[in-house]
Amino acid sequence: MFIITDEMLRGTNSDDKHKGTEGFIKQLIKHKVAGIIASHDVSLGCMEQEFPEQITNLCFEVGHKNDELIFDYTLRPGVSKNMNAGILMRKMQILID
């Protein structure tokens, strides 16, 4: 079996979402199910240390140039370090420095 999920448990509070997603991932590992799980919850990336043989973190990064976001859609190892919401909110005049 192979599963693909994106933003699991969307719509719940952050703590419940994290606990539920972590529990689900542990069940997948227990039952030896392979898959791809997309999430903006960067704290889930710590699970790679607990399950180094079963979990590999991969991410997309975003670059910034002249207050523009640049996406190269290259899959990289690790958890994303860049944040882009602030730039988007400034462009929409929601966030003012």
PDB file of N, CA and C in Angstrom:
ATOM      1  N   MET A   1       0.846  -1.170   0.000  1.00  0.00           N
ATOM      2  CA  MET A   1       0.000   0.000   0.000  1.00  0.00           C
ATOM      3  C   MET A   1       0.898   1.242   0.000  1.00  0.00           C
ATOM      4  N   PHE A   2       0.435   2.283  -0.673  1.00  0.00           N
ATOM      5  CA  PHE A   2       1.145   3.560  -0.740  1.00  0.00           C
ATOM      6  C   PHE A   2       0.115   4.664  -0.567  1.00  0.00           C
ATOM      7  N   ILE A   3       0.354   5.600   0.351  1.00  0.00           N
ATOM      8  CA  ILE A   3      -0.592   6.697   0.558  1.00  0.00           C
ATOM      9  C   ILE A   3       0.077   8.041   0.282  1.00  0.00           C
ATOM     10  N   ILE A   4      -0.758   9.010  -0.082  1.00  0.00           N
ATOM     11  CA  ILE A   4      -0.320  10.394  -0.246  1.00  0.00           C
ATOM     12  C   ILE A   4      -1.316  11.259   0.510  1.00  0.00           C
ATOM     13  N   THR A   5      -0.820  12.101   1.427  1.00  0.00           N
ATOM     14  CA  THR A   5      -1.702  13.018   2.154  1.00  0.00           C
ATOM     15  C   THR A   5      -1.127  14.429   2.083  1.00  0.00           C
ATOM     16  N   ASP A   6      -2.006  15.403   2.168  1.00  0.00           N
ATOM     17  CA  ASP A   6      -1.610  16.810   2.155  1.00  0.00           C
ATOM     18  C   ASP A   6      -2.364  17.527   3.261  1.00  0.00           C
ATOM     19  N   GLU A   7      -1.624  18.113   4.200  1.00  0.00           N
ATOM     20  CA  GLU A   7      -2.220  18.859   5.311  1.00  0.00           C
ATOM     21  C   GLU A   7      -3.291  18.041   6.030  1.00  0.00           C
ATOM     22  N   MET A   8      -2.879  16.948   6.573  1.00  0.00           N
ATOM     23  CA  MET A   8      -3.757  16.052   7.312  1.00  0.00           C
ATOM     24  C   MET A   8      -4.432  16.789   8.479  1.00  0.00           C
ATOM     25  N   LEU A   9      -5.682  16.476   8.738  1.00  0.00           N
ATOM     26  CA  LEU A   9      -6.463  17.026   9.851  1.00  0.00           C
ATOM     27  C   LEU A   9      -6.611  18.543   9.781  1.00  0.00           C
ATOM     28  N   ARG A  10      -6.663  19.069   8.610  1.00  0.00           N
ATOM     29  CA  ARG A  10      -6.846  20.512   8.415  1.00  0.00           C
ATOM     30  C   ARG A  10      -8.143  20.953   9.087  1.00  0.00           C
ATOM     31  N   GLY A  11      -8.114  22.068   9.748  1.00  0.00           N
ATOM     32  CA  GLY A  11      -9.312  22.613  10.370  1.00  0.00           C
ATOM     33  C   GLY A  11      -9.381  22.373  11.864  1.00  0.00           C
ATOM     34  N   THR A  12      -8.486  21.553  12.421  1.00  0.00           N
ATOM     35  CA  THR A  12      -8.457  21.355  13.861  1.00  0.00           C
ATOM     36  C   THR A  12      -7.434  22.302  14.458  1.00  0.00           C
ATOM     37  N   ASN A  13      -7.425  22.408  15.799  1.00  0.00           N
ATOM     38  CA  ASN A  13      -6.428  23.294  16.405  1.00  0.00           C
ATOM     39  C   ASN A  13      -5.033  22.695  16.225  1.00  0.00           C
ATOM     40  N   SER A  14      -4.024  23.518  16.343  1.00  0.00           N
ATOM     41  CA  SER A  14      -2.651  23.113  16.010  1.00  0.00           C
ATOM     42  C   SER A  14      -2.164  21.928  16.830  1.00  0.00           C
ATOM     43  N   ASP A  15      -2.460  21.919  18.126  1.00  0.00           N
ATOM     44  CA  ASP A  15      -1.982  20.835  18.981  1.00  0.00           C
ATOM     45  C   ASP A  15      -2.635  19.508  18.602  1.00  0.00           C
ATOM     46  N   ASP A  16      -3.954  19.516  18.418  1.00  0.00           N
ATOM     47  CA  ASP A  16      -4.657  18.294  18.006  1.00  0.00           C
ATOM     48  C   ASP A  16      -4.167  17.812  16.641  1.00  0.00           C
ATOM     49  N   LYS A  17      -3.968  18.755  15.739  1.00  0.00           N
ATOM     50  CA  LYS A  17      -3.504  18.404  14.394  1.00  0.00           C
ATOM     51  C   LYS A  17      -2.140  17.719  14.471  1.00  0.00           C
ATOM     52  N   HIS A  18      -1.246  18.284  15.269  1.00  0.00           N
ATOM     53  CA  HIS A  18       0.093  17.711  15.396  1.00  0.00           C
ATOM     54  C   HIS A  18       0.025  16.306  15.998  1.00  0.00           C
ATOM     55  N   LYS A  19      -0.676  16.174  17.114  1.00  0.00           N
ATOM     56  CA  LYS A  19      -0.769  14.870  17.783  1.00  0.00           C
ATOM     57  C   LYS A  19      -1.421  13.826  16.878  1.00  0.00           C
ATOM     58  N   GLY A  20      -2.483  14.210  16.198  1.00  0.00           N
ATOM     59  CA  GLY A  20      -3.170  13.276  15.309  1.00  0.00           C
ATOM     60  C   GLY A  20      -2.312  12.854  14.133  1.00  0.00           C
ATOM     61  N   THR A  21      -1.617  13.808  13.538  1.00  0.00           N
ATOM     62  CA  THR A  21      -0.758  13.500  12.395  1.00  0.00           C
ATOM     63  C   THR A  21       0.410  12.622  12.829  1.00  0.00           C
ATOM     64  N   GLU A  22       1.004  12.952  13.965  1.00  0.00           N
ATOM     65  CA  GLU A  22       2.109  12.139  14.484  1.00  0.00           C
ATOM     66  C   GLU A  22       1.639  10.706  14.764  1.00  0.00           C
ATOM     67  N   GLY A  23       0.472  10.572  15.378  1.00  0.00           N
ATOM     68  CA  GLY A  23      -0.073   9.241  15.650  1.00  0.00           C
ATOM     69  C   GLY A  23      -0.340   8.459  14.376  1.00  0.00           C
ATOM     70  N   PHE A  24      -0.866   9.139  13.365  1.00  0.00           N
ATOM     71  CA  PHE A  24      -1.144   8.495  12.084  1.00  0.00           C
ATOM     72  C   PHE A  24       0.152   8.006  11.432  1.00  0.00           C
ATOM     73  N   ILE A  25       1.178   8.845  11.464  1.00  0.00           N
ATOM     74  CA  ILE A  25       2.468   8.464  10.883  1.00  0.00           C
ATOM     75  C   ILE A  25       3.034   7.244  11.605  1.00  0.00           C
ATOM     76  N   LYS A  26       2.924   7.221  12.923  1.00  0.00           N
ATOM     77  CA  LYS A  26       3.415   6.065  13.684  1.00  0.00           C
ATOM     78  C   LYS A  26       2.654   4.795  13.314  1.00  0.00           C
ATOM     79  N   GLN A  27       1.364   4.919  13.044  1.00  0.00           N
ATOM     80  CA  GLN A  27       0.589   3.751  12.610  1.00  0.00           C
ATOM     81  C   GLN A  27       1.042   3.280  11.226  1.00  0.00           C
ATOM     82  N   LEU A  28       1.336   4.217  10.347  1.00  0.00           N
ATOM     83  CA  LEU A  28       1.850   3.840   9.026  1.00  0.00           C
ATOM     84  C   LEU A  28       3.162   3.070   9.154  1.00  0.00           C
ATOM     85  N   ILE A  29       4.029   3.557  10.028  1.00  0.00           N
ATOM     86  CA  ILE A  29       5.312   2.879  10.246  1.00  0.00           C
ATOM     87  C   ILE A  29       5.079   1.487  10.827  1.00  0.00           C
ATOM     88  N   LYS A  30       4.210   1.402  11.815  1.00  0.00           N
ATOM     89  CA  LYS A  30       3.911   0.115  12.458  1.00  0.00           C
ATOM     90  C   LYS A  30       3.433  -0.921  11.442  1.00  0.00           C
ATOM     91  N   HIS A  31       2.614  -0.470  10.499  1.00  0.00           N
ATOM     92  CA  HIS A  31       2.043  -1.386   9.503  1.00  0.00           C
ATOM     93  C   HIS A  31       2.855  -1.433   8.203  1.00  0.00           C
ATOM     94  N   LYS A  32       4.036  -0.797   8.234  1.00  0.00           N
ATOM     95  CA  LYS A  32       4.959  -0.806   7.087  1.00  0.00           C
ATOM     96  C   LYS A  32       4.316  -0.286   5.795  1.00  0.00           C
ATOM     97  N   VAL A  33       3.578   0.808   5.934  1.00  0.00           N
ATOM     98  CA  VAL A  33       2.930   1.453   4.791  1.00  0.00           C
ATOM     99  C   VAL A  33       3.829   2.598   4.322  1.00  0.00           C
ATOM    100  N   ALA A  34       4.129   2.641   3.053  1.00  0.00           N
ATOM    101  CA  ALA A  34       4.936   3.714   2.476  1.00  0.00           C
ATOM    102  C   ALA A  34       4.032   4.859   2.039  1.00  0.00           C
ATOM    103  N   GLY A  35       4.590   6.059   1.971  1.00  0.00           N
ATOM    104  CA  GLY A  35       3.778   7.170   1.514  1.00  0.00           C
ATOM    105  C   GLY A  35       4.527   8.484   1.467  1.00  0.00           C
ATOM    106  N   ILE A  36       3.784   9.496   1.059  1.00  0.00           N
ATOM    107  CA  ILE A  36       4.255  10.879   1.031  1.00  0.00           C
ATOM    108  C   ILE A  36       3.275  11.684   1.862  1.00  0.00           C
ATOM    109  N   ILE A  37       3.801  12.447   2.822  1.00  0.00           N
ATOM    110  CA  ILE A  37       2.954  13.262   3.685  1.00  0.00           C
ATOM    111  C   ILE A  37       3.431  14.700   3.574  1.00  0.00           C
ATOM    112  N   ALA A  38       2.565  15.580   3.096  1.00  0.00           N
ATOM    113  CA  ALA A  38       2.893  17.002   2.978  1.00  0.00           C
ATOM    114  C   ALA A  38       2.282  17.742   4.160  1.00  0.00           C
ATOM    115  N   SER A  39       3.078  18.608   4.792  1.00  0.00           N
ATOM    116  CA  SER A  39       2.586  19.359   5.945  1.00  0.00           C
ATOM    117  C   SER A  39       3.381  20.644   6.102  1.00  0.00           C
ATOM    118  N   HIS A  40       2.721  21.675   6.626  1.00  0.00           N
ATOM    119  CA  HIS A  40       3.415  22.900   7.004  1.00  0.00           C
ATOM    120  C   HIS A  40       3.841  22.850   8.469  1.00  0.00           C
ATOM    121  N   ASP A  41       3.541  21.758   9.166  1.00  0.00           N
ATOM    122  CA  ASP A  41       3.912  21.581  10.571  1.00  0.00           C
ATOM    123  C   ASP A  41       5.373  21.136  10.620  1.00  0.00           C
ATOM    124  N   VAL A  42       6.283  22.104  10.710  1.00  0.00           N
ATOM    125  CA  VAL A  42       7.712  21.782  10.661  1.00  0.00           C
ATOM    126  C   VAL A  42       8.156  20.949  11.863  1.00  0.00           C
ATOM    127  N   SER A  43       7.404  20.980  12.957  1.00  0.00           N
ATOM    128  CA  SER A  43       7.787  20.185  14.126  1.00  0.00           C
ATOM    129  C   SER A  43       7.683  18.685  13.853  1.00  0.00           C
ATOM    130  N   LEU A  44       6.908  18.288  12.855  1.00  0.00           N
ATOM    131  CA  LEU A  44       6.844  16.868  12.488  1.00  0.00           C
ATOM    132  C   LEU A  44       8.179  16.379  11.931  1.00  0.00           C
ATOM    133  N   GLY A  45       8.999  17.293  11.472  1.00  0.00           N
ATOM    134  CA  GLY A  45      10.309  16.928  10.943  1.00  0.00           C
ATOM    135  C   GLY A  45      11.194  16.222  11.957  1.00  0.00           C
ATOM    136  N   CYS A  46      10.942  16.438  13.248  1.00  0.00           N
ATOM    137  CA  CYS A  46      11.722  15.771  14.302  1.00  0.00           C
ATOM    138  C   CYS A  46      11.518  14.265  14.293  1.00  0.00           C
ATOM    139  N   MET A  47      10.447  13.796  13.684  1.00  0.00           N
ATOM    140  CA  MET A  47      10.180  12.359  13.655  1.00  0.00           C
ATOM    141  C   MET A  47      11.250  11.601  12.869  1.00  0.00           C
ATOM    142  N   GLU A  48      11.958  12.287  11.995  1.00  0.00           N
ATOM    143  CA  GLU A  48      13.033  11.638  11.239  1.00  0.00           C
ATOM    144  C   GLU A  48      14.126  11.130  12.184  1.00  0.00           C
ATOM    145  N   GLN A  49      14.371  11.852  13.290  1.00  0.00           N
ATOM    146  CA  GLN A  49      15.381  11.419  14.264  1.00  0.00           C
ATOM    147  C   GLN A  49      14.919  10.173  15.014  1.00  0.00           C
ATOM    148  N   GLU A  50      13.621  10.095  15.288  1.00  0.00           N
ATOM    149  CA  GLU A  50      13.069   8.944  16.001  1.00  0.00           C
ATOM    150  C   GLU A  50      12.977   7.709  15.103  1.00  0.00           C
ATOM    151  N   PHE A  51      12.727   7.931  13.816  1.00  0.00           N
ATOM    152  CA  PHE A  51      12.548   6.837  12.852  1.00  0.00           C
ATOM    153  C   PHE A  51      13.443   7.048  11.624  1.00  0.00           C
ATOM    154  N   PRO A  52      14.765   7.058  11.808  1.00  0.00           N
ATOM    155  CA  PRO A  52      15.656   7.388  10.686  1.00  0.00           C
ATOM    156  C   PRO A  52      15.616   6.395   9.523  1.00  0.00           C
ATOM    157  N   GLU A  53      15.213   5.179   9.772  1.00  0.00           N
ATOM    158  CA  GLU A  53      15.139   4.183   8.698  1.00  0.00           C
ATOM    159  C   GLU A  53      13.824   4.270   7.920  1.00  0.00           C
ATOM    160  N   GLN A  54      12.815   4.902   8.516  1.00  0.00           N
ATOM    161  CA  GLN A  54      11.494   4.945   7.896  1.00  0.00           C
ATOM    162  C   GLN A  54      11.111   6.325   7.359  1.00  0.00           C
ATOM    163  N   ILE A  55      11.697   7.380   7.910  1.00  0.00           N
ATOM    164  CA  ILE A  55      11.283   8.742   7.533  1.00  0.00           C
ATOM    165  C   ILE A  55      12.461   9.499   6.928  1.00  0.00           C
ATOM    166  N   THR A  56      12.209  10.145   5.806  1.00  0.00           N
ATOM    167  CA  THR A  56      13.171  11.046   5.175  1.00  0.00           C
ATOM    168  C   THR A  56      12.460  12.364   4.921  1.00  0.00           C
ATOM    169  N   ASN A  57      12.963  13.435   5.529  1.00  0.00           N
ATOM    170  CA  ASN A  57      12.372  14.751   5.303  1.00  0.00           C
ATOM    171  C   ASN A  57      12.874  15.331   3.986  1.00  0.00           C
ATOM    172  N   LEU A  58      11.941  15.832   3.202  1.00  0.00           N
ATOM    173  CA  LEU A  58      12.244  16.533   1.955  1.00  0.00           C
ATOM    174  C   LEU A  58      11.409  17.802   1.929  1.00  0.00           C
ATOM    175  N   CYS A  59      11.891  18.823   1.247  1.00  0.00           N
ATOM    176  CA  CYS A  59      11.138  20.081   1.218  1.00  0.00           C
ATOM    177  C   CYS A  59      11.388  20.842  -0.084  1.00  0.00           C
ATOM    178  N   PHE A  60      10.539  21.818  -0.302  1.00  0.00           N
ATOM    179  CA  PHE A  60      10.747  22.823  -1.336  1.00  0.00           C
ATOM    180  C   PHE A  60      11.137  24.104  -0.612  1.00  0.00           C
ATOM    181  N   GLU A  61      12.099  24.815  -1.125  1.00  0.00           N
ATOM    182  CA  GLU A  61      12.475  26.108  -0.559  1.00  0.00           C
ATOM    183  C   GLU A  61      12.007  27.216  -1.494  1.00  0.00           C
ATOM    184  N   VAL A  62      11.871  28.387  -0.922  1.00  0.00           N
ATOM    185  CA  VAL A  62      11.482  29.553  -1.712  1.00  0.00           C
ATOM    186  C   VAL A  62      12.578  30.602  -1.547  1.00  0.00           C
ATOM    187  N   GLY A  63      12.944  31.233  -2.652  1.00  0.00           N
ATOM    188  CA  GLY A  63      13.920  32.306  -2.601  1.00  0.00           C
ATOM    189  C   GLY A  63      13.216  33.655  -2.616  1.00  0.00           C
ATOM    190  N   HIS A  64      13.953  34.688  -2.232  1.00  0.00           N
ATOM    191  CA  HIS A  64      13.399  36.045  -2.220  1.00  0.00           C
ATOM    192  C   HIS A  64      14.329  36.944  -3.019  1.00  0.00           C
ATOM    193  N   LYS A  65      13.761  37.749  -3.885  1.00  0.00           N
ATOM    194  CA  LYS A  65      14.553  38.724  -4.628  1.00  0.00           C
ATOM    195  C   LYS A  65      13.678  39.941  -4.879  1.00  0.00           C
ATOM    196  N   ASN A  66      14.123  41.108  -4.403  1.00  0.00           N
ATOM    197  CA  ASN A  66      13.363  42.354  -4.567  1.00  0.00           C
ATOM    198  C   ASN A  66      11.921  42.196  -4.101  1.00  0.00           C
ATOM    199  N   ASP A  67      11.749  41.594  -2.931  1.00  0.00           N
ATOM    200  CA  ASP A  67      10.420  41.373  -2.342  1.00  0.00           C
ATOM    201  C   ASP A  67       9.517  40.492  -3.202  1.00  0.00           C
ATOM    202  N   GLU A  68      10.110  39.712  -4.072  1.00  0.00           N
ATOM    203  CA  GLU A  68       9.365  38.741  -4.879  1.00  0.00           C
ATOM    204  C   GLU A  68       9.761  37.343  -4.432  1.00  0.00           C
ATOM    205  N   LEU A  69       8.808  36.434  -4.459  1.00  0.00           N
ATOM    206  CA  LEU A  69       9.086  35.044  -4.133  1.00  0.00           C
ATOM    207  C   LEU A  69       9.524  34.311  -5.395  1.00  0.00           C
ATOM    208  N   ILE A  70      10.548  33.493  -5.268  1.00  0.00           N
ATOM    209  CA  ILE A  70      11.062  32.734  -6.404  1.00  0.00           C
ATOM    210  C   ILE A  70      11.003  31.248  -6.045  1.00  0.00           C
ATOM    211  N   PHE A  71      10.262  30.491  -6.837  1.00  0.00           N
ATOM    212  CA  PHE A  71      10.112  29.058  -6.618  1.00  0.00           C
ATOM    213  C   PHE A  71      10.849  28.310  -7.722  1.00  0.00           C
ATOM    214  N   ASP A  72      11.728  27.386  -7.331  1.00  0.00           N
ATOM    215  CA  ASP A  72      12.393  26.579  -8.361  1.00  0.00           C
ATOM    216  C   ASP A  72      11.865  25.140  -8.378  1.00  0.00           C
ATOM    217  N   TYR A  73      10.991  24.817  -7.434  1.00  0.00           N
ATOM    218  CA  TYR A  73      10.331  23.498  -7.380  1.00  0.00           C
ATOM    219  C   TYR A  73      11.334  22.349  -7.371  1.00  0.00           C
ATOM    220  N   THR A  74      12.471  22.570  -6.705  1.00  0.00           N
ATOM    221  CA  THR A  74      13.483  21.532  -6.553  1.00  0.00           C
ATOM    222  C   THR A  74      13.319  20.887  -5.184  1.00  0.00           C
ATOM    223  N   LEU A  75      13.143  19.587  -5.157  1.00  0.00           N
ATOM    224  CA  LEU A  75      13.011  18.854  -3.907  1.00  0.00           C
ATOM    225  C   LEU A  75      14.386  18.743  -3.253  1.00  0.00           C
ATOM    226  N   ARG A  76      14.453  19.168  -1.973  1.00  0.00           N
ATOM    227  CA  ARG A  76      15.726  19.178  -1.251  1.00  0.00           C
ATOM    228  C   ARG A  76      15.606  18.376   0.043  1.00  0.00           C
ATOM    229  N   PRO A  77      16.720  17.856   0.551  1.00  0.00           N
ATOM    230  CA  PRO A  77      16.666  17.154   1.831  1.00  0.00           C
ATOM    231  C   PRO A  77      16.408  18.130   2.978  1.00  0.00           C
ATOM    232  N   GLY A  78      15.721  17.652   4.013  1.00  0.00           N
ATOM    233  CA  GLY A  78      15.509  18.452   5.213  1.00  0.00           C
ATOM    234  C   GLY A  78      14.129  19.062   5.303  1.00  0.00           C
ATOM    235  N   VAL A  79      14.001  19.960   6.291  1.00  0.00           N
ATOM    236  CA  VAL A  79      12.766  20.693   6.553  1.00  0.00           C
ATOM    237  C   VAL A  79      12.979  22.126   6.083  1.00  0.00           C
ATOM    238  N   SER A  80      11.998  22.711   5.449  1.00  0.00           N
ATOM    239  CA  SER A  80      12.119  24.063   4.910  1.00  0.00           C
ATOM    240  C   SER A  80      12.507  25.061   5.999  1.00  0.00           C
ATOM    241  N   LYS A  81      13.452  25.908   5.684  1.00  0.00           N
ATOM    242  CA  LYS A  81      13.914  26.940   6.617  1.00  0.00           C
ATOM    243  C   LYS A  81      13.323  28.312   6.290  1.00  0.00           C
ATOM    244  N   ASN A  82      12.848  28.490   5.089  1.00  0.00           N
ATOM    245  CA  ASN A  82      12.363  29.799   4.647  1.00  0.00           C
ATOM    246  C   ASN A  82      10.882  29.972   4.934  1.00  0.00           C
ATOM    247  N   MET A  83      10.536  31.175   5.316  1.00  0.00           N
ATOM    248  CA  MET A  83       9.138  31.523   5.562  1.00  0.00           C
ATOM    249  C   MET A  83       8.734  32.565   4.518  1.00  0.00           C
ATOM    250  N   ASN A  84       7.568  32.401   3.929  1.00  0.00           N
ATOM    251  CA  ASN A  84       7.163  33.343   2.884  1.00  0.00           C
ATOM    252  C   ASN A  84       5.877  34.088   3.201  1.00  0.00           C
ATOM    253  N   ALA A  85       5.191  33.756   4.279  1.00  0.00           N
ATOM    254  CA  ALA A  85       3.915  34.408   4.580  1.00  0.00           C
ATOM    255  C   ALA A  85       4.091  35.906   4.818  1.00  0.00           C
ATOM    256  N   GLY A  86       5.175  36.299   5.487  1.00  0.00           N
ATOM    257  CA  GLY A  86       5.408  37.719   5.758  1.00  0.00           C
ATOM    258  C   GLY A  86       5.517  38.538   4.484  1.00  0.00           C
ATOM    259  N   ILE A  87       6.235  38.022   3.500  1.00  0.00           N
ATOM    260  CA  ILE A  87       6.368  38.729   2.219  1.00  0.00           C
ATOM    261  C   ILE A  87       5.010  38.853   1.543  1.00  0.00           C
ATOM    262  N   LEU A  88       4.253  37.760   1.531  1.00  0.00           N
ATOM    263  CA  LEU A  88       2.924  37.806   0.909  1.00  0.00           C
ATOM    264  C   LEU A  88       2.014  38.804   1.615  1.00  0.00           C
ATOM    265  N   MET A  89       2.053  38.834   2.953  1.00  0.00           N
ATOM    266  CA  MET A  89       1.192  39.760   3.696  1.00  0.00           C
ATOM    267  C   MET A  89       1.615  41.209   3.483  1.00  0.00           C
ATOM    268  N   ARG A  90       2.935  41.466   3.367  1.00  0.00           N
ATOM    269  CA  ARG A  90       3.383  42.823   3.076  1.00  0.00           C
ATOM    270  C   ARG A  90       2.906  43.268   1.695  1.00  0.00           C
ATOM    271  N   LYS A  91       2.993  42.367   0.722  1.00  0.00           N
ATOM    272  CA  LYS A  91       2.548  42.701  -0.637  1.00  0.00           C
ATOM    273  C   LYS A  91       1.056  43.014  -0.666  1.00  0.00           C
ATOM    274  N   MET A  92       0.291  42.341   0.199  1.00  0.00           N
ATOM    275  CA  MET A  92      -1.158  42.565   0.256  1.00  0.00           C
ATOM    276  C   MET A  92      -1.518  43.669   1.252  1.00  0.00           C
ATOM    277  N   GLN A  93      -0.500  44.316   1.827  1.00  0.00           N
ATOM    278  CA  GLN A  93      -0.642  45.399   2.795  1.00  0.00           C
ATOM    279  C   GLN A  93      -1.429  44.970   4.035  1.00  0.00           C
ATOM    280  N   ILE A  94      -1.289  43.708   4.400  1.00  0.00           N
ATOM    281  CA  ILE A  94      -1.885  43.204   5.639  1.00  0.00           C
ATOM    282  C   ILE A  94      -0.902  43.400   6.782  1.00  0.00           C
ATOM    283  N   LEU A  95       0.375  43.197   6.497  1.00  0.00           N
ATOM    284  CA  LEU A  95       1.439  43.321   7.488  1.00  0.00           C
ATOM    285  C   LEU A  95       2.317  44.484   7.080  1.00  0.00           C
ATOM    286  N   ILE A  96       2.483  45.419   7.995  1.00  0.00           N
ATOM    287  CA  ILE A  96       3.318  46.588   7.710  1.00  0.00           C
ATOM    288  C   ILE A  96       4.425  46.620   8.746  1.00  0.00           C
ATOM    289  N   ASP A  97       5.690  46.710   8.278  1.00  0.00           N
ATOM    290  CA  ASP A  97       6.845  46.724   9.203  1.00  0.00           C
ATOM    291  C   ASP A  97       6.930  48.037   9.930  1.00  0.00           C
TER     292      ASP A  97
END
